[in-house]
């Protein structure tokens, strides 16, 4: 035993009756070790409680079997469900996910990404529009990198998986117009690139239909003088439902509300929320496939309007 009391390779070799070098080769899955011998050595190692150093093995193999995932924040239902999809897709390939976040701060996000780059991970999935593009570019030079869900220009060597926000906005606005609404507002809860793209798409569609766009960045007064509001995401829509209730306006009788993302929150709200669904499971699988494949792809997936009781 070592001074720390933890079994070492020498202990495994002694218990298995083989050389230390053979134990080392077996643990590294060296092809020169027969399957039977490797299995016997691993069983002995497990029995005496030996745990190999994952990072040491990674240096030998040139792979960590770890994928870094960087988020804006942890308390966003959209991110939570997307991470689950990424973890499932990684797990199917025998990989694990290293998760970090930067609270929407470009400086913190850049620092977190740099920290993950120092770990020598096998790839990166960036779920944020706030990471400086230069840092994303550097990550892409080190390992396959995919940006998920953010419609901004990227370096040629960085992949992207996103949904078509223009199509999603069209589905939401045309749904409200079909329901007879003409005074339709847009509640832009954040200044993220994604929210800005959705606001711009909403405004263009309103003008296309000969209607006047009304974009509000503040909840107070957002519902005034309109009969329907399209929110930039489901959390913003939840705030709208609360504001409407405070003002004594019934949803959808007095005010129709449509969100974006179709997170779990949408079915917990009352009334249940009409929202534009993003195919998060497909986004996660696609991002992981691209990372593992090592190529560069730009994938745009179609969203789908889910009509519930709020409109």
C-alpha atoms as a PDB file:
ATOM      1  CA  UNK A   1       0.000   0.000   0.000  1.00  0.00           C
ATOM      2  CA  UNK A   2       1.049   3.604  -0.563  1.00  0.00           C
ATOM      3  CA  UNK A   3       1.559   5.998   2.351  1.00  0.00           C
ATOM      4  CA  UNK A   4      -1.976   7.269   1.747  1.00  0.00           C
ATOM      5  CA  UNK A   5      -3.378   3.769   2.184  1.00  0.00           C
ATOM      6  CA  UNK A   6      -4.729   3.620  -1.369  1.00  0.00           C
ATOM      7  CA  UNK A   7      -3.779   0.527  -3.423  1.00  0.00           C
ATOM      8  CA  UNK A   8      -1.190   1.128  -6.149  1.00  0.00           C
ATOM      9  CA  UNK A   9      -0.250  -0.610  -9.394  1.00  0.00           C
ATOM     10  CA  UNK A  10       2.419  -2.485  -7.429  1.00  0.00           C
ATOM     11  CA  UNK A  11      -0.275  -3.868  -5.110  1.00  0.00           C
ATOM     12  CA  UNK A  12      -2.362  -4.970  -8.100  1.00  0.00           C
ATOM     13  CA  UNK A  13       0.657  -6.645  -9.708  1.00  0.00           C
ATOM     14  CA  UNK A  14       1.503  -8.487  -6.482  1.00  0.00           C
ATOM     15  CA  UNK A  15      -2.102  -9.660  -5.980  1.00  0.00           C
ATOM     16  CA  UNK A  16      -2.446 -10.770  -9.601  1.00  0.00           C
ATOM     17  CA  UNK A  17       0.970 -12.413  -9.759  1.00  0.00           C
ATOM     18  CA  UNK A  18       2.101 -10.365 -12.765  1.00  0.00           C
ATOM     19  CA  UNK A  19       4.543  -7.555 -13.460  1.00  0.00           C
ATOM     20  CA  UNK A  20       3.814  -3.892 -12.802  1.00  0.00           C
ATOM     21  CA  UNK A  21       4.294  -3.113 -16.494  1.00  0.00           C
ATOM     22  CA  UNK A  22       1.675  -5.689 -17.488  1.00  0.00           C
ATOM     23  CA  UNK A  23      -0.833  -4.143 -15.063  1.00  0.00           C
ATOM     24  CA  UNK A  24      -0.133  -0.732 -16.575  1.00  0.00           C
ATOM     25  CA  UNK A  25      -0.687  -2.060 -20.098  1.00  0.00           C
ATOM     26  CA  UNK A  26      -3.931  -3.783 -19.081  1.00  0.00           C
ATOM     27  CA  UNK A  27      -5.342  -0.656 -17.463  1.00  0.00           C
ATOM     28  CA  UNK A  28      -4.514   1.346 -20.612  1.00  0.00           C
ATOM     29  CA  UNK A  29      -6.349  -1.219 -22.793  1.00  0.00           C
ATOM     30  CA  UNK A  30      -3.149  -1.917 -24.697  1.00  0.00           C
ATOM     31  CA  UNK A  31      -3.913  -4.262 -27.627  1.00  0.00           C
ATOM     32  CA  UNK A  32      -0.870  -6.363 -26.734  1.00  0.00           C
ATOM     33  CA  UNK A  33      -2.643  -7.699 -23.625  1.00  0.00           C
ATOM     34  CA  UNK A  34      -5.080 -10.555 -24.186  1.00  0.00           C
ATOM     35  CA  UNK A  35      -8.713 -10.030 -23.244  1.00  0.00           C
ATOM     36  CA  UNK A  36      -8.572 -12.813 -20.649  1.00  0.00           C
ATOM     37  CA  UNK A  37      -5.465 -11.408 -18.967  1.00  0.00           C
ATOM     38  CA  UNK A  38      -6.855  -7.880 -18.990  1.00  0.00           C
ATOM     39  CA  UNK A  39     -10.125  -9.060 -17.448  1.00  0.00           C
ATOM     40  CA  UNK A  40      -8.326 -10.988 -14.689  1.00  0.00           C
ATOM     41  CA  UNK A  41      -6.130  -7.989 -13.817  1.00  0.00           C
ATOM     42  CA  UNK A  42      -9.095  -5.604 -13.779  1.00  0.00           C
ATOM     43  CA  UNK A  43     -11.030  -7.964 -11.502  1.00  0.00           C
ATOM     44  CA  UNK A  44      -8.097  -8.068  -9.077  1.00  0.00           C
ATOM     45  CA  UNK A  45      -7.785  -4.280  -9.210  1.00  0.00           C
ATOM     46  CA  UNK A  46     -11.469  -3.910  -8.442  1.00  0.00           C
ATOM     47  CA  UNK A  47     -11.307  -6.427  -5.601  1.00  0.00           C
ATOM     48  CA  UNK A  48      -8.492  -4.640  -3.769  1.00  0.00           C
ATOM     49  CA  UNK A  49      -9.980  -1.196  -4.414  1.00  0.00           C
ATOM     50  CA  UNK A  50      -7.475   0.171  -6.930  1.00  0.00           C
ATOM     51  CA  UNK A  51      -8.584   3.241  -8.899  1.00  0.00           C
ATOM     52  CA  UNK A  52      -6.483   4.309 -11.864  1.00  0.00           C
ATOM     53  CA  UNK A  53      -5.739   7.954 -12.579  1.00  0.00           C
ATOM     54  CA  UNK A  54      -8.145   9.028 -15.306  1.00  0.00           C
ATOM     55  CA  UNK A  55      -6.012  11.984 -16.332  1.00  0.00           C
ATOM     56  CA  UNK A  56      -2.865   9.900 -16.580  1.00  0.00           C
ATOM     57  CA  UNK A  57      -4.674   7.479 -18.886  1.00  0.00           C
ATOM     58  CA  UNK A  58      -5.970  10.413 -20.879  1.00  0.00           C
ATOM     59  CA  UNK A  59      -2.425  11.657 -21.473  1.00  0.00           C
ATOM     60  CA  UNK A  60      -1.412   8.239 -22.786  1.00  0.00           C
ATOM     61  CA  UNK A  61      -4.465   7.812 -25.031  1.00  0.00           C
ATOM     62  CA  UNK A  62      -4.733  11.419 -26.134  1.00  0.00           C
ATOM     63  CA  UNK A  63      -8.430  11.412 -25.163  1.00  0.00           C
ATOM     64  CA  UNK A  64     -10.312  12.247 -21.971  1.00  0.00           C
ATOM     65  CA  UNK A  65     -13.757  10.941 -23.007  1.00  0.00           C
ATOM     66  CA  UNK A  66     -15.106  14.208 -21.602  1.00  0.00           C
ATOM     67  CA  UNK A  67     -17.085  16.876 -23.447  1.00  0.00           C
ATOM     68  CA  UNK A  68     -17.273  20.402 -22.030  1.00  0.00           C
ATOM     69  CA  UNK A  69     -20.679  22.110 -21.996  1.00  0.00           C
ATOM     70  CA  UNK A  70     -20.797  25.842 -21.267  1.00  0.00           C
ATOM     71  CA  UNK A  71     -24.092  27.536 -20.350  1.00  0.00           C
ATOM     72  CA  UNK A  72     -25.227  31.083 -19.686  1.00  0.00           C
ATOM     73  CA  UNK A  73     -26.947  29.995 -16.489  1.00  0.00           C
ATOM     74  CA  UNK A  74     -28.170  26.902 -14.679  1.00  0.00           C
ATOM     75  CA  UNK A  75     -31.662  28.082 -13.712  1.00  0.00           C
ATOM     76  CA  UNK A  76     -33.031  28.262 -17.256  1.00  0.00           C
ATOM     77  CA  UNK A  77     -35.472  25.397 -18.004  1.00  0.00           C
ATOM     78  CA  UNK A  78     -34.439  25.413 -21.674  1.00  0.00           C
ATOM     79  CA  UNK A  79     -30.804  24.853 -20.695  1.00  0.00           C
ATOM     80  CA  UNK A  80     -31.696  22.133 -18.203  1.00  0.00           C
ATOM     81  CA  UNK A  81     -33.559  20.071 -20.778  1.00  0.00           C
ATOM     82  CA  UNK A  82     -30.874  20.635 -23.409  1.00  0.00           C
ATOM     83  CA  UNK A  83     -28.138  19.466 -21.022  1.00  0.00           C
ATOM     84  CA  UNK A  84     -30.123  16.298 -20.315  1.00  0.00           C
ATOM     85  CA  UNK A  85     -30.220  15.599 -24.056  1.00  0.00           C
ATOM     86  CA  UNK A  86     -26.477  16.241 -24.364  1.00  0.00           C
ATOM     87  CA  UNK A  87     -25.701  13.968 -21.409  1.00  0.00           C
ATOM     88  CA  UNK A  88     -27.875  11.197 -22.835  1.00  0.00           C
ATOM     89  CA  UNK A  89     -26.208  11.468 -26.240  1.00  0.00           C
ATOM     90  CA  UNK A  90     -22.742  11.486 -24.669  1.00  0.00           C
ATOM     91  CA  UNK A  91     -23.563   8.546 -22.404  1.00  0.00           C
ATOM     92  CA  UNK A  92     -24.625   6.443 -25.385  1.00  0.00           C
ATOM     93  CA  UNK A  93     -21.060   6.813 -26.679  1.00  0.00           C
ATOM     94  CA  UNK A  94     -19.412   6.104 -23.333  1.00  0.00           C
ATOM     95  CA  UNK A  95     -18.591   9.768 -22.739  1.00  0.00           C
ATOM     96  CA  UNK A  96     -19.281  12.128 -19.854  1.00  0.00           C
ATOM     97  CA  UNK A  97     -20.106  15.835 -19.738  1.00  0.00           C
ATOM     98  CA  UNK A  98     -18.228  18.538 -17.815  1.00  0.00           C
ATOM     99  CA  UNK A  99     -20.656  21.375 -17.097  1.00  0.00           C
ATOM    100  CA  UNK A 100     -19.889  25.028 -16.405  1.00  0.00           C
ATOM    101  CA  UNK A 101     -21.724  28.351 -16.556  1.00  0.00           C
ATOM    102  CA  UNK A 102     -20.957  32.048 -16.439  1.00  0.00           C
ATOM    103  CA  UNK A 103     -24.101  33.868 -15.262  1.00  0.00           C
ATOM    104  CA  UNK A 104     -24.481  35.679 -18.611  1.00  0.00           C
ATOM    105  CA  UNK A 105     -21.226  37.549 -18.008  1.00  0.00           C
ATOM    106  CA  UNK A 106     -18.961  37.550 -21.104  1.00  0.00           C
ATOM    107  CA  UNK A 107     -15.883  37.750 -18.861  1.00  0.00           C
ATOM    108  CA  UNK A 108     -16.993  34.851 -16.659  1.00  0.00           C
ATOM    109  CA  UNK A 109     -18.051  32.766 -19.649  1.00  0.00           C
ATOM    110  CA  UNK A 110     -14.691  33.362 -21.320  1.00  0.00           C
ATOM    111  CA  UNK A 111     -12.896  32.369 -18.115  1.00  0.00           C
ATOM    112  CA  UNK A 112     -14.952  29.190 -17.738  1.00  0.00           C
ATOM    113  CA  UNK A 113     -14.300  28.195 -21.355  1.00  0.00           C
ATOM    114  CA  UNK A 114     -10.578  28.829 -20.927  1.00  0.00           C
ATOM    115  CA  UNK A 115     -10.575  26.634 -17.814  1.00  0.00           C
ATOM    116  CA  UNK A 116     -12.219  23.801 -19.743  1.00  0.00           C
ATOM    117  CA  UNK A 117      -9.713  24.232 -22.565  1.00  0.00           C
ATOM    118  CA  UNK A 118      -6.904  23.768 -20.030  1.00  0.00           C
ATOM    119  CA  UNK A 119      -8.375  20.363 -19.152  1.00  0.00           C
ATOM    120  CA  UNK A 120      -7.757  19.132 -22.689  1.00  0.00           C
ATOM    121  CA  UNK A 121     -11.336  17.966 -23.199  1.00  0.00           C
ATOM    122  CA  UNK A 122     -12.333  16.107 -26.360  1.00  0.00           C
ATOM    123  CA  UNK A 123     -14.817  18.737 -27.511  1.00  0.00           C
ATOM    124  CA  UNK A 124     -16.936  21.695 -26.482  1.00  0.00           C
ATOM    125  CA  UNK A 125     -20.631  22.582 -26.716  1.00  0.00           C
ATOM    126  CA  UNK A 126     -21.337  26.268 -26.110  1.00  0.00           C
ATOM    127  CA  UNK A 127     -24.937  27.149 -25.205  1.00  0.00           C
ATOM    128  CA  UNK A 128     -24.573  30.899 -24.922  1.00  0.00           C
ATOM    129  CA  UNK A 129     -24.599  33.967 -27.136  1.00  0.00           C
ATOM    130  CA  UNK A 130     -22.508  35.901 -24.606  1.00  0.00           C
ATOM    131  CA  UNK A 131     -19.192  34.091 -25.009  1.00  0.00           C
ATOM    132  CA  UNK A 132     -16.684  36.289 -26.868  1.00  0.00           C
ATOM    133  CA  UNK A 133     -16.378  34.967 -30.418  1.00  0.00           C
ATOM    134  CA  UNK A 134     -12.575  34.984 -30.158  1.00  0.00           C
ATOM    135  CA  UNK A 135     -12.733  32.501 -27.258  1.00  0.00           C
ATOM    136  CA  UNK A 136     -15.094  30.264 -29.228  1.00  0.00           C
ATOM    137  CA  UNK A 137     -12.652  30.430 -32.136  1.00  0.00           C
ATOM    138  CA  UNK A 138      -9.752  29.386 -29.882  1.00  0.00           C
ATOM    139  CA  UNK A 139     -11.750  26.469 -28.488  1.00  0.00           C
ATOM    140  CA  UNK A 140     -12.538  25.343 -32.024  1.00  0.00           C
ATOM    141  CA  UNK A 141      -8.831  25.265 -32.875  1.00  0.00           C
ATOM    142  CA  UNK A 142      -8.181  22.960 -29.907  1.00  0.00           C
ATOM    143  CA  UNK A 143     -11.072  20.504 -30.280  1.00  0.00           C
ATOM    144  CA  UNK A 144     -14.377  20.133 -32.173  1.00  0.00           C
ATOM    145  CA  UNK A 145     -16.666  22.926 -30.977  1.00  0.00           C
ATOM    146  CA  UNK A 146     -20.402  23.404 -31.516  1.00  0.00           C
ATOM    147  CA  UNK A 147     -22.407  26.500 -30.637  1.00  0.00           C
ATOM    148  CA  UNK A 148     -26.033  25.598 -29.889  1.00  0.00           C
ATOM    149  CA  UNK A 149     -29.023  27.852 -30.358  1.00  0.00           C
ATOM    150  CA  UNK A 150     -27.492  31.258 -31.018  1.00  0.00           C
ATOM    151  CA  UNK A 151     -27.865  33.008 -34.384  1.00  0.00           C
ATOM    152  CA  UNK A 152     -24.620  34.926 -34.706  1.00  0.00           C
ATOM    153  CA  UNK A 153     -21.715  34.735 -37.130  1.00  0.00           C
ATOM    154  CA  UNK A 154     -19.099  32.161 -36.207  1.00  0.00           C
ATOM    155  CA  UNK A 155     -15.610  31.293 -37.433  1.00  0.00           C
ATOM    156  CA  UNK A 156     -15.591  28.809 -40.308  1.00  0.00           C
ATOM    157  CA  UNK A 157     -14.064  26.050 -38.175  1.00  0.00           C
ATOM    158  CA  UNK A 158     -16.810  26.201 -35.499  1.00  0.00           C
ATOM    159  CA  UNK A 159     -20.066  24.257 -35.926  1.00  0.00           C
ATOM    160  CA  UNK A 160     -23.561  25.453 -35.091  1.00  0.00           C
ATOM    161  CA  UNK A 161     -26.904  23.829 -34.270  1.00  0.00           C
ATOM    162  CA  UNK A 162     -29.916  26.098 -33.905  1.00  0.00           C
ATOM    163  CA  UNK A 163     -33.591  26.392 -34.669  1.00  0.00           C
ATOM    164  CA  UNK A 164     -35.015  28.805 -37.221  1.00  0.00           C
ATOM    165  CA  UNK A 165     -36.161  31.693 -35.017  1.00  0.00           C
ATOM    166  CA  UNK A 166     -37.675  33.534 -37.977  1.00  0.00           C
ATOM    167  CA  UNK A 167     -39.929  30.548 -38.694  1.00  0.00           C
ATOM    168  CA  UNK A 168     -40.834  30.268 -35.010  1.00  0.00           C
ATOM    169  CA  UNK A 169     -41.779  33.938 -34.846  1.00  0.00           C
ATOM    170  CA  UNK A 170     -43.879  33.579 -37.994  1.00  0.00           C
ATOM    171  CA  UNK A 171     -45.769  30.644 -36.493  1.00  0.00           C
ATOM    172  CA  UNK A 172     -46.514  32.615 -33.319  1.00  0.00           C
ATOM    173  CA  UNK A 173     -47.580  35.852 -35.015  1.00  0.00           C
ATOM    174  CA  UNK A 174     -49.697  34.184 -37.694  1.00  0.00           C
ATOM    175  CA  UNK A 175     -51.401  32.057 -35.041  1.00  0.00           C
ATOM    176  CA  UNK A 176     -52.431  35.205 -33.172  1.00  0.00           C
ATOM    177  CA  UNK A 177     -53.575  36.918 -36.373  1.00  0.00           C
ATOM    178  CA  UNK A 178     -55.669  33.860 -37.252  1.00  0.00           C
ATOM    179  CA  UNK A 179     -57.288  34.183 -33.822  1.00  0.00           C
ATOM    180  CA  UNK A 180     -58.417  37.672 -34.804  1.00  0.00           C
ATOM    181  CA  UNK A 181     -55.758  39.754 -33.055  1.00  0.00           C
ATOM    182  CA  UNK A 182     -54.389  42.894 -34.698  1.00  0.00           C
ATOM    183  CA  UNK A 183     -52.829  44.711 -31.742  1.00  0.00           C
ATOM    184  CA  UNK A 184     -50.060  42.261 -30.936  1.00  0.00           C
ATOM    185  CA  UNK A 185     -47.114  43.213 -28.736  1.00  0.00           C
ATOM    186  CA  UNK A 186     -43.712  41.609 -28.222  1.00  0.00           C
ATOM    187  CA  UNK A 187     -42.151  41.331 -24.757  1.00  0.00           C
ATOM    188  CA  UNK A 188     -38.367  41.194 -25.102  1.00  0.00           C
ATOM    189  CA  UNK A 189     -37.241  40.186 -21.629  1.00  0.00           C
ATOM    190  CA  UNK A 190     -33.489  40.177 -22.356  1.00  0.00           C
ATOM    191  CA  UNK A 191     -31.042  41.767 -24.774  1.00  0.00           C
ATOM    192  CA  UNK A 192     -29.558  38.450 -25.885  1.00  0.00           C
ATOM    193  CA  UNK A 193     -28.890  37.958 -29.579  1.00  0.00           C
ATOM    194  CA  UNK A 194     -31.590  35.298 -29.676  1.00  0.00           C
ATOM    195  CA  UNK A 195     -34.200  37.643 -28.193  1.00  0.00           C
ATOM    196  CA  UNK A 196     -33.163  40.383 -30.616  1.00  0.00           C
ATOM    197  CA  UNK A 197     -33.558  38.071 -33.610  1.00  0.00           C
ATOM    198  CA  UNK A 198     -37.026  37.048 -32.442  1.00  0.00           C
ATOM    199  CA  UNK A 199     -38.006  40.688 -31.882  1.00  0.00           C
ATOM    200  CA  UNK A 200     -36.775  41.641 -35.350  1.00  0.00           C
ATOM    201  CA  UNK A 201     -38.631  38.727 -36.949  1.00  0.00           C
ATOM    202  CA  UNK A 202     -41.820  39.661 -35.091  1.00  0.00           C
ATOM    203  CA  UNK A 203     -41.537  43.293 -36.218  1.00  0.00           C
ATOM    204  CA  UNK A 204     -40.956  42.328 -39.857  1.00  0.00           C
ATOM    205  CA  UNK A 205     -43.946  39.981 -39.832  1.00  0.00           C
ATOM    206  CA  UNK A 206     -46.219  42.578 -38.278  1.00  0.00           C
ATOM    207  CA  UNK A 207     -45.290  45.056 -41.005  1.00  0.00           C
ATOM    208  CA  UNK A 208     -45.744  42.336 -43.617  1.00  0.00           C
ATOM    209  CA  UNK A 209     -49.354  42.038 -42.455  1.00  0.00           C
ATOM    210  CA  UNK A 210     -49.844  45.808 -42.383  1.00  0.00           C
ATOM    211  CA  UNK A 211     -49.767  45.932 -38.579  1.00  0.00           C
ATOM    212  CA  UNK A 212     -47.754  48.118 -36.228  1.00  0.00           C
ATOM    213  CA  UNK A 213     -45.125  46.321 -34.115  1.00  0.00           C
ATOM    214  CA  UNK A 214     -44.960  47.189 -30.416  1.00  0.00           C
ATOM    215  CA  UNK A 215     -41.772  45.924 -28.738  1.00  0.00           C
ATOM    216  CA  UNK A 216     -41.502  46.360 -24.971  1.00  0.00           C
ATOM    217  CA  UNK A 217     -38.432  45.627 -22.856  1.00  0.00           C
ATOM    218  CA  UNK A 218     -40.217  46.330 -19.581  1.00  0.00           C
ATOM    219  CA  UNK A 219     -43.027  44.352 -18.010  1.00  0.00           C
ATOM    220  CA  UNK A 220     -44.800  47.418 -16.679  1.00  0.00           C
ATOM    221  CA  UNK A 221     -47.244  48.618 -19.305  1.00  0.00           C
ATOM    222  CA  UNK A 222     -46.341  45.797 -21.676  1.00  0.00           C
ATOM    223  CA  UNK A 223     -49.935  44.563 -21.842  1.00  0.00           C
ATOM    224  CA  UNK A 224     -51.503  47.994 -22.316  1.00  0.00           C
ATOM    225  CA  UNK A 225     -53.272  48.732 -25.597  1.00  0.00           C
ATOM    226  CA  UNK A 226     -52.758  45.222 -26.998  1.00  0.00           C
ATOM    227  CA  UNK A 227     -54.938  42.117 -27.097  1.00  0.00           C
ATOM    228  CA  UNK A 228     -52.069  39.648 -27.478  1.00  0.00           C
ATOM    229  CA  UNK A 229     -48.390  39.432 -26.563  1.00  0.00           C
ATOM    230  CA  UNK A 230     -45.668  37.225 -28.026  1.00  0.00           C
ATOM    231  CA  UNK A 231     -42.900  36.719 -25.444  1.00  0.00           C
ATOM    232  CA  UNK A 232     -39.241  36.074 -26.232  1.00  0.00           C
ATOM    233  CA  UNK A 233     -39.221  32.909 -24.085  1.00  0.00           C
ATOM    234  CA  UNK A 234     -41.401  30.914 -21.701  1.00  0.00           C
ATOM    235  CA  UNK A 235     -40.064  32.597 -18.569  1.00  0.00           C
ATOM    236  CA  UNK A 236     -40.982  35.987 -20.012  1.00  0.00           C
ATOM    237  CA  UNK A 237     -44.423  34.612 -20.859  1.00  0.00           C
ATOM    238  CA  UNK A 238     -44.844  33.439 -17.253  1.00  0.00           C
ATOM    239  CA  UNK A 239     -44.148  36.983 -16.077  1.00  0.00           C
ATOM    240  CA  UNK A 240     -46.772  38.237 -18.530  1.00  0.00           C
ATOM    241  CA  UNK A 241     -49.377  35.865 -17.119  1.00  0.00           C
ATOM    242  CA  UNK A 242     -48.653  37.197 -13.643  1.00  0.00           C
ATOM    243  CA  UNK A 243     -48.872  40.809 -14.804  1.00  0.00           C
ATOM    244  CA  UNK A 244     -52.159  40.157 -16.592  1.00  0.00           C
ATOM    245  CA  UNK A 245     -53.596  38.600 -13.441  1.00  0.00           C
ATOM    246  CA  UNK A 246     -52.460  41.590 -11.376  1.00  0.00           C
ATOM    247  CA  UNK A 247     -54.227  43.903 -13.829  1.00  0.00           C
ATOM    248  CA  UNK A 248     -57.410  41.842 -13.718  1.00  0.00           C
ATOM    249  CA  UNK A 249     -57.087  40.724 -17.336  1.00  0.00           C
ATOM    250  CA  UNK A 250     -58.165  37.177 -18.109  1.00  0.00           C
ATOM    251  CA  UNK A 251     -55.986  34.995 -20.327  1.00  0.00           C
ATOM    252  CA  UNK A 252     -56.881  34.274 -23.090  1.00  0.00           C
ATOM    253  CA  UNK A 253     -60.245  36.124 -23.018  1.00  0.00           C
ATOM    254  CA  UNK A 254     -58.775  39.599 -22.482  1.00  0.00           C
ATOM    255  CA  UNK A 255     -55.173  38.930 -23.437  1.00  0.00           C
ATOM    256  CA  UNK A 256     -53.598  36.101 -25.440  1.00  0.00           C
ATOM    257  CA  UNK A 257     -50.041  35.086 -24.560  1.00  0.00           C
ATOM    258  CA  UNK A 258     -47.562  33.026 -26.599  1.00  0.00           C
ATOM    259  CA  UNK A 259     -44.115  31.995 -25.377  1.00  0.00           C
ATOM    260  CA  UNK A 260     -41.032  30.452 -26.939  1.00  0.00           C
ATOM    261  CA  UNK A 261     -39.046  27.265 -26.108  1.00  0.00           C
ATOM    262  CA  UNK A 262     -41.794  24.893 -24.817  1.00  0.00           C
ATOM    263  CA  UNK A 263     -39.988  24.127 -21.572  1.00  0.00           C
ATOM    264  CA  UNK A 264     -41.575  22.146 -18.724  1.00  0.00           C
ATOM    265  CA  UNK A 265     -42.752  25.492 -17.368  1.00  0.00           C
ATOM    266  CA  UNK A 266     -45.260  25.791 -20.223  1.00  0.00           C
ATOM    267  CA  UNK A 267     -47.492  22.998 -18.913  1.00  0.00           C
ATOM    268  CA  UNK A 268     -47.152  24.024 -15.261  1.00  0.00           C
ATOM    269  CA  UNK A 269     -48.575  27.497 -15.846  1.00  0.00           C
ATOM    270  CA  UNK A 270     -52.285  28.230 -15.667  1.00  0.00           C
ATOM    271  CA  UNK A 271     -53.576  28.538 -18.247  1.00  0.00           C
ATOM    272  CA  UNK A 272     -51.123  26.221 -19.943  1.00  0.00           C
ATOM    273  CA  UNK A 273     -48.924  28.158 -22.323  1.00  0.00           C
ATOM    274  CA  UNK A 274     -49.095  28.236 -26.096  1.00  0.00           C
ATOM    275  CA  UNK A 275     -45.453  28.313 -27.152  1.00  0.00           C
ATOM    276  CA  UNK A 276     -42.981  27.655 -29.945  1.00  0.00           C
ATOM    277  CA  UNK A 277     -41.216  24.359 -29.251  1.00  0.00           C
ATOM    278  CA  UNK A 278     -37.519  23.889 -29.862  1.00  0.00           C
ATOM    279  CA  UNK A 279     -36.489  20.260 -30.555  1.00  0.00           C
ATOM    280  CA  UNK A 280     -33.995  20.109 -27.683  1.00  0.00           C
ATOM    281  CA  UNK A 281     -33.449  16.347 -27.809  1.00  0.00           C
ATOM    282  CA  UNK A 282     -32.604  16.553 -31.508  1.00  0.00           C
ATOM    283  CA  UNK A 283     -30.426  19.614 -30.892  1.00  0.00           C
ATOM    284  CA  UNK A 284     -28.471  17.758 -28.202  1.00  0.00           C
ATOM    285  CA  UNK A 285     -28.036  14.598 -30.273  1.00  0.00           C
ATOM    286  CA  UNK A 286     -26.988  16.592 -33.325  1.00  0.00           C
ATOM    287  CA  UNK A 287     -24.460  18.678 -31.396  1.00  0.00           C
ATOM    288  CA  UNK A 288     -22.897  15.586 -29.834  1.00  0.00           C
ATOM    289  CA  UNK A 289     -22.774  13.791 -33.194  1.00  0.00           C
ATOM    290  CA  UNK A 290     -20.898  16.731 -34.709  1.00  0.00           C
ATOM    291  CA  UNK A 291     -18.441  16.910 -31.798  1.00  0.00           C
ATOM    292  CA  UNK A 292     -17.677  13.205 -32.048  1.00  0.00           C
ATOM    293  CA  UNK A 293     -17.423  13.305 -35.825  1.00  0.00           C
ATOM    294  CA  UNK A 294     -14.887  16.099 -35.733  1.00  0.00           C
ATOM    295  CA  UNK A 295     -16.218  17.869 -38.828  1.00  0.00           C
ATOM    296  CA  UNK A 296     -17.810  21.285 -39.217  1.00  0.00           C
ATOM    297  CA  UNK A 297     -21.552  21.586 -39.825  1.00  0.00           C
ATOM    298  CA  UNK A 298     -24.198  24.305 -39.734  1.00  0.00           C
ATOM    299  CA  UNK A 299     -27.554  22.739 -38.863  1.00  0.00           C
ATOM    300  CA  UNK A 300     -30.853  24.643 -38.699  1.00  0.00           C
ATOM    301  CA  UNK A 301     -33.825  22.741 -37.266  1.00  0.00           C
ATOM    302  CA  UNK A 302     -37.492  23.647 -37.564  1.00  0.00           C
ATOM    303  CA  UNK A 303     -39.446  24.768 -34.470  1.00  0.00           C
ATOM    304  CA  UNK A 304     -43.104  23.876 -33.990  1.00  0.00           C
ATOM    305  CA  UNK A 305     -45.938  25.890 -32.482  1.00  0.00           C
ATOM    306  CA  UNK A 306     -47.684  24.043 -29.642  1.00  0.00           C
ATOM    307  CA  UNK A 307     -51.156  25.489 -29.096  1.00  0.00           C
ATOM    308  CA  UNK A 308     -52.486  25.297 -25.538  1.00  0.00           C
ATOM    309  CA  UNK A 309     -54.901  27.409 -23.488  1.00  0.00           C
ATOM    310  CA  UNK A 310     -53.192  30.805 -23.253  1.00  0.00           C
ATOM    311  CA  UNK A 311     -54.130  31.900 -26.773  1.00  0.00           C
END
